[in-house]
Amino acid sequence: MTIHTNHGRPDPRRAASCAHHEGDAFDILETCHDHIRQRLERLQAVAEGLRDDGTFDEHRLAMLTDVIAFLDTAIPIHTADEESTLFPLLRRHPEFKGVDNTPMDCMEMQHRVHQDARRDLDVGILERDAAATARAAMNIVVEYSDHMRREEEILYPMARRLVTEPVALDWMADEMRARRAAAGLTDC
């Protein structure tokens, strides 16, 4: 893999930092979505099992623990990628000067809804309430899936159109890579 500077020469410092996160900032965001989707598939399988037979067994608890551990690490990083890195750049763009209720505002509101859904899952698990856990898990699957679809179909294409300066794109990718490196997250 070769990462080029503005002068067309490889930059070995950036190449080393990109080992697990190749591509531009938008590629990083979409790759993270792919990894989140994988965990959501597991969460859905657990929810369906809990709904069907109502029992918490060791296998389901282990799957829930794995999914929750990943989501509790990846989601805050991904949210920071958007709310602390991407959204401020978009809000400074002339297209959004003086605009209320931007797509970024909608996404931030959904991020808060996701936090509530995540708490509902914790309550269901702590109370060993299979029905409540299944409902909360399916709510997370539906909410996150819809949210990611909206980002990929609306927000990211808009952002790719508006944020085109190489310096801004490099800064975004560096910020996102640094978050992942600090958390030891290699697959999001």
Protein backbone atom coordinates (compact mmCIF):
# COMPACT_ATOMS: atom_id res chain seq x y z
CA MET A 1 0.00 0.00 0.00
CA THR A 2 1.31 3.45 -0.86
CA ILE A 3 -0.05 6.64 0.62
CA HIS A 4 0.92 9.76 -1.28
CA THR A 5 1.47 13.26 0.00
CA ASN A 6 0.53 16.31 -2.03
CA HIS A 7 3.94 15.93 -3.72
CA GLY A 8 3.20 12.44 -5.03
CA ARG A 9 5.82 10.76 -2.83
CA PRO A 10 4.98 7.98 -0.36
CA ASP A 11 4.65 9.05 3.26
CA PRO A 12 5.81 6.05 5.34
CA ARG A 13 4.39 7.51 8.58
CA ARG A 14 0.88 7.58 7.14
CA ALA A 15 1.27 4.18 5.49
CA ALA A 16 2.11 2.60 8.86
CA SER A 17 -0.84 4.25 10.57
CA CYS A 18 -3.21 2.99 7.88
CA ALA A 19 -2.45 -0.68 8.31
CA HIS A 20 -5.99 -1.54 9.42
CA HIS A 21 -7.87 1.46 8.07
CA GLU A 22 -7.14 1.97 4.40
CA GLY A 23 -8.96 4.51 2.28
CA ASP A 24 -10.30 7.94 2.97
CA ALA A 25 -12.43 9.08 5.90
CA PHE A 26 -15.63 8.00 4.20
CA ASP A 27 -14.20 4.54 3.55
CA ILE A 28 -13.37 4.32 7.27
CA LEU A 29 -16.94 5.29 8.20
CA GLU A 30 -18.46 2.78 5.80
CA THR A 31 -16.08 0.00 6.87
CA CYS A 32 -17.12 0.65 10.45
CA HIS A 33 -20.75 0.29 9.33
CA ASP A 34 -19.89 -3.10 7.84
CA HIS A 35 -18.43 -4.27 11.16
CA ILE A 36 -21.41 -2.91 13.08
CA ARG A 37 -23.76 -4.76 10.71
CA GLN A 38 -21.92 -8.02 11.44
CA ARG A 39 -22.56 -7.53 15.16
CA LEU A 40 -26.17 -6.55 14.53
CA GLU A 41 -26.70 -9.85 12.70
CA ARG A 42 -25.47 -11.67 15.81
CA LEU A 43 -27.67 -9.51 18.02
CA GLN A 44 -30.68 -10.29 15.84
CA ALA A 45 -29.96 -14.02 16.10
CA VAL A 46 -29.89 -13.77 19.89
CA ALA A 47 -33.08 -11.70 19.92
CA GLU A 48 -34.90 -14.21 17.74
CA GLY A 49 -33.79 -17.08 19.97
CA LEU A 50 -34.89 -15.26 23.11
CA ARG A 51 -38.21 -14.42 21.50
CA ASP A 52 -38.76 -17.99 20.33
CA ASP A 53 -37.92 -19.93 23.49
CA GLY A 54 -37.52 -17.32 26.23
CA THR A 55 -34.36 -18.70 27.76
CA PHE A 56 -31.04 -17.09 28.59
CA ASP A 57 -28.40 -19.76 28.11
CA GLU A 58 -24.60 -19.45 28.31
CA HIS A 59 -24.22 -19.28 24.53
CA ARG A 60 -26.70 -16.40 24.20
CA LEU A 61 -25.16 -14.54 27.12
CA ALA A 62 -21.72 -14.95 25.56
CA MET A 63 -22.98 -13.64 22.22
CA LEU A 64 -24.67 -10.69 23.93
CA THR A 65 -21.49 -9.93 25.85
CA ASP A 66 -19.41 -10.03 22.67
CA VAL A 67 -21.79 -7.83 20.71
CA ILE A 68 -22.22 -5.33 23.54
CA ALA A 69 -18.46 -5.09 24.13
CA PHE A 70 -17.91 -4.29 20.46
CA LEU A 71 -20.78 -1.82 20.21
CA ASP A 72 -19.76 -0.09 23.43
CA THR A 73 -16.32 0.49 21.93
CA ALA A 74 -17.14 1.08 18.26
CA ILE A 75 -20.28 3.20 18.52
CA PRO A 76 -18.75 6.02 20.62
CA ILE A 77 -15.77 6.14 18.24
CA HIS A 78 -18.00 6.17 15.18
CA THR A 79 -20.24 8.81 16.76
CA ALA A 80 -17.19 10.97 17.52
CA ASP A 81 -16.03 10.51 13.91
CA GLU A 82 -19.27 12.10 12.83
CA GLU A 83 -20.08 14.59 15.59
CA SER A 84 -16.54 15.83 16.31
CA THR A 85 -14.88 15.48 12.92
CA LEU A 86 -17.32 15.36 9.99
CA PHE A 87 -20.28 17.42 11.20
CA PRO A 88 -18.27 20.52 12.19
CA LEU A 89 -16.77 20.62 8.69
CA LEU A 90 -20.20 20.30 7.11
CA ARG A 91 -21.72 22.97 9.36
CA ARG A 92 -19.03 25.45 8.25
CA HIS A 93 -19.85 24.84 4.59
CA PRO A 94 -21.74 27.75 2.94
CA GLU A 95 -24.59 25.37 2.04
CA PHE A 96 -25.50 25.15 5.76
CA LYS A 97 -24.99 28.75 6.87
CA GLY A 98 -28.13 29.77 8.75
CA VAL A 99 -29.88 26.45 8.10
CA ASP A 100 -31.88 24.86 10.91
CA ASN A 101 -32.59 21.14 11.07
CA THR A 102 -29.71 19.96 8.94
CA PRO A 103 -29.11 16.31 8.13
CA MET A 104 -26.38 16.43 10.79
CA ASP A 105 -28.93 17.52 13.41
CA CYS A 106 -31.13 14.57 12.48
CA MET A 107 -28.23 12.14 12.78
CA GLU A 108 -27.22 13.57 16.18
CA MET A 109 -30.79 13.20 17.43
CA GLN A 110 -30.78 9.58 16.30
CA HIS A 111 -27.49 9.02 18.14
CA ARG A 112 -29.27 10.02 21.37
CA VAL A 113 -32.16 7.65 20.60
CA HIS A 114 -29.61 4.85 20.14
CA GLN A 115 -28.23 5.51 23.63
CA ASP A 116 -31.72 5.03 25.08
CA ALA A 117 -32.18 1.79 23.14
CA ARG A 118 -28.84 0.55 24.43
CA ARG A 119 -29.92 1.24 28.03
CA ASP A 120 -33.13 -0.72 27.44
CA LEU A 121 -31.04 -3.70 26.38
CA ASP A 122 -29.00 -3.48 29.59
CA VAL A 123 -32.16 -3.43 31.70
CA GLY A 124 -33.56 -6.51 29.94
CA ILE A 125 -30.32 -8.42 30.41
CA LEU A 126 -29.89 -7.41 34.07
CA GLU A 127 -33.43 -8.48 34.85
CA ARG A 128 -33.00 -11.67 32.77
CA ASP A 129 -36.21 -10.73 31.02
CA ALA A 130 -36.02 -12.58 27.71
CA ALA A 131 -38.96 -10.78 26.12
CA ALA A 132 -37.68 -7.31 27.08
CA THR A 133 -34.16 -8.19 25.96
CA ALA A 134 -35.44 -9.51 22.63
CA ARG A 135 -37.51 -6.35 22.05
CA ALA A 136 -34.62 -4.06 22.96
CA ALA A 137 -32.18 -6.01 20.81
CA MET A 138 -34.50 -5.94 17.79
CA ASN A 139 -35.08 -2.23 18.33
CA ILE A 140 -31.32 -1.68 18.22
CA VAL A 141 -31.00 -3.77 15.06
CA VAL A 142 -33.79 -1.83 13.32
CA GLU A 143 -32.72 1.62 14.55
CA TYR A 144 -29.02 1.21 13.75
CA SER A 145 -29.70 -0.42 10.37
CA ASP A 146 -32.03 2.40 9.33
CA HIS A 147 -29.60 5.01 10.64
CA MET A 148 -26.64 3.56 8.72
CA ARG A 149 -28.73 3.28 5.56
CA ARG A 150 -29.64 6.97 5.81
CA GLU A 151 -26.03 7.93 6.35
CA GLU A 152 -24.87 5.88 3.38
CA GLU A 153 -27.65 7.01 1.05
CA ILE A 154 -27.96 10.67 2.10
CA LEU A 155 -25.35 12.01 4.51
CA TYR A 156 -22.12 10.51 3.17
CA PRO A 157 -22.81 11.26 -0.52
CA MET A 158 -23.66 14.85 0.45
CA ALA A 159 -20.52 15.09 2.58
CA ARG A 160 -18.34 13.66 -0.21
CA ARG A 161 -19.74 16.36 -2.50
CA LEU A 162 -19.10 19.18 0.00
CA VAL A 163 -15.83 18.14 1.63
CA THR A 164 -13.35 17.78 -1.21
CA GLU A 165 -10.22 19.59 -0.05
CA PRO A 166 -7.35 17.09 0.28
CA VAL A 167 -6.15 18.70 3.51
CA ALA A 168 -9.60 18.35 5.11
CA LEU A 169 -9.99 14.77 3.90
CA ASP A 170 -6.55 13.82 5.24
CA TRP A 171 -7.27 15.53 8.57
CA MET A 172 -10.58 13.66 8.89
CA ALA A 173 -8.98 10.29 8.17
CA ASP A 174 -6.12 10.98 10.58
CA GLU A 175 -8.58 11.91 13.35
CA MET A 176 -10.58 8.74 12.77
CA ARG A 177 -7.49 6.51 12.68
CA ALA A 178 -6.19 8.10 15.89
CA ARG A 179 -9.46 7.33 17.71
CA ARG A 180 -9.26 3.71 16.69
CA ALA A 181 -5.59 3.40 17.60
CA ALA A 182 -6.20 4.94 21.04
CA ALA A 183 -8.98 2.42 21.69
CA GLY A 184 -7.02 -0.53 20.27
CA LEU A 185 -9.87 -1.10 17.83
CA THR A 186 -8.58 -2.92 14.77
CA ASP A 187 -11.81 -3.93 13.08
CA CYS A 188 -13.93 -0.83 12.82
